Protein backbone atom coordinates (compact mmCIF):
# COMPACT_ATOMS: atom_id res chain seq x y z
CA MET A 1 210.73 189.90 -72.75
CA ASN A 2 210.12 191.69 -69.46
CA ASN A 3 206.68 193.27 -69.62
CA MET A 4 206.01 195.92 -66.98
CA PRO A 5 202.53 195.95 -65.44
CA ASP A 6 200.13 198.73 -66.38
CA LEU A 7 200.34 201.17 -63.46
CA ARG A 8 197.92 203.73 -64.85
CA THR A 9 194.92 204.68 -62.76
CA ALA A 10 192.47 203.53 -65.44
CA LYS A 11 193.68 199.92 -65.13
CA LEU A 12 194.23 199.69 -61.39
CA HIS A 13 190.98 201.50 -60.55
CA LEU A 14 189.11 198.65 -62.27
CA VAL A 15 191.16 196.03 -60.43
CA CYS A 16 190.60 197.67 -57.04
CA SER A 17 186.88 198.05 -57.74
CA GLY A 18 186.66 194.37 -58.61
CA LEU A 19 188.46 193.52 -55.40
CA LEU A 20 185.86 195.41 -53.36
CA GLU A 21 182.95 193.86 -55.24
CA GLY A 22 184.26 190.34 -54.75
CA GLN A 23 185.08 189.88 -58.43
CA ALA A 24 188.47 188.27 -58.75
CA PRO A 25 190.37 189.66 -61.73
CA LYS A 26 191.90 187.27 -64.24
CA GLU A 27 195.25 187.59 -62.54
CA SER A 28 195.59 187.77 -58.78
CA PHE A 29 198.86 189.63 -59.43
CA ASP A 30 196.78 192.71 -60.28
CA GLN A 31 194.94 192.48 -56.95
CA GLY A 32 198.25 192.34 -55.16
CA LEU A 33 199.46 195.31 -57.18
CA CYS A 34 196.41 197.33 -56.15
CA VAL A 35 196.83 196.57 -52.45
CA GLY A 36 200.63 196.76 -52.59
CA ILE A 37 200.66 200.23 -54.12
CA ILE A 38 198.15 201.50 -51.56
CA LEU A 39 200.16 200.08 -48.66
CA GLY A 40 203.47 201.28 -50.14
CA VAL A 41 202.21 204.83 -50.63
CA GLU A 42 200.77 204.78 -47.12
CA ASP A 43 203.99 203.48 -45.57
CA ASN A 44 206.14 206.06 -47.32
CA ALA A 45 203.78 208.95 -46.54
CA HIS A 46 203.44 207.85 -42.91
CA PHE A 47 207.23 207.82 -42.59
CA ASP A 48 207.22 211.41 -43.92
CA LYS A 49 204.44 212.33 -41.41
CA LYS A 50 201.98 213.15 -44.20
CA ILE A 51 199.36 210.37 -43.93
CA CYS A 52 198.22 208.93 -40.57
CA ILE A 53 195.64 206.17 -40.96
CA PRO A 54 194.06 204.97 -37.70
CA LYS A 55 195.06 201.44 -36.68
CA ASN A 56 191.45 200.18 -36.83
CA ILE A 57 191.10 200.85 -40.59
CA ASP A 58 191.36 197.64 -42.63
CA ILE A 59 192.65 197.22 -46.17
CA LYS A 60 189.14 197.06 -47.62
CA GLU A 61 188.33 200.50 -46.22
CA ARG A 62 191.60 201.87 -47.60
CA VAL A 63 190.75 200.50 -51.06
CA GLN A 64 187.22 201.96 -50.77
CA VAL A 65 188.59 205.44 -49.97
CA VAL A 66 190.94 205.25 -52.95
CA ARG A 67 188.19 204.00 -55.28
CA ASP A 68 185.76 206.73 -54.16
CA TYR A 69 188.38 209.44 -54.64
CA ILE A 70 189.37 208.19 -58.10
CA ALA A 71 185.71 208.23 -59.15
CA THR A 72 185.80 212.02 -58.66
CA GLN A 73 188.91 212.41 -60.86
CA PRO A 74 187.93 211.26 -64.39
CA SER A 75 190.49 213.50 -66.09
CA ARG A 76 193.39 211.82 -64.24
CA MET A 77 192.91 208.24 -65.49
CA ASP A 78 196.20 208.23 -67.44
CA GLU A 79 198.23 209.31 -64.40
CA ALA A 80 200.15 206.87 -62.23
CA PHE A 81 197.84 205.09 -59.78
CA ALA A 82 200.22 205.87 -56.89
CA SER A 83 199.71 209.62 -57.38
CA LEU A 84 195.96 209.34 -56.91
CA VAL A 85 196.39 206.91 -54.02
CA PHE A 86 198.50 209.51 -52.22
CA ASP A 87 195.94 212.25 -52.86
CA ALA A 88 193.06 210.04 -51.68
CA LEU A 89 194.76 208.92 -48.48
CA PHE A 90 196.08 212.40 -47.72
CA GLN A 91 192.65 213.94 -48.18
CA LYS A 92 191.02 211.35 -45.87
CA TRP A 93 193.71 210.85 -43.20
CA PRO A 94 196.24 213.73 -43.08
CA CYS A 95 198.60 213.74 -40.10
CA LYS A 96 197.70 216.40 -37.57
CA ASN A 97 200.82 218.30 -36.57
């Protein structure tokens, strides 16, 4: 049985919030999933010249920006977490062309 992780915003928003508040979730895999999705979205969008995060911004600040954005999007909790991550990072750090 190969169970896929829950990638919905509702689940990962809780995990990311716990990460920021110093509450380790039951499984550290979920913490890695939270951070990994944020960094993966960022890497892909940076390659496409859409998101440009300054070099001095640490992972905690990235997670905070995502968490704050998601808090303003209660109707999108069943969407894929990566979609909201993109929107959050793009809103905060769009590349200037």
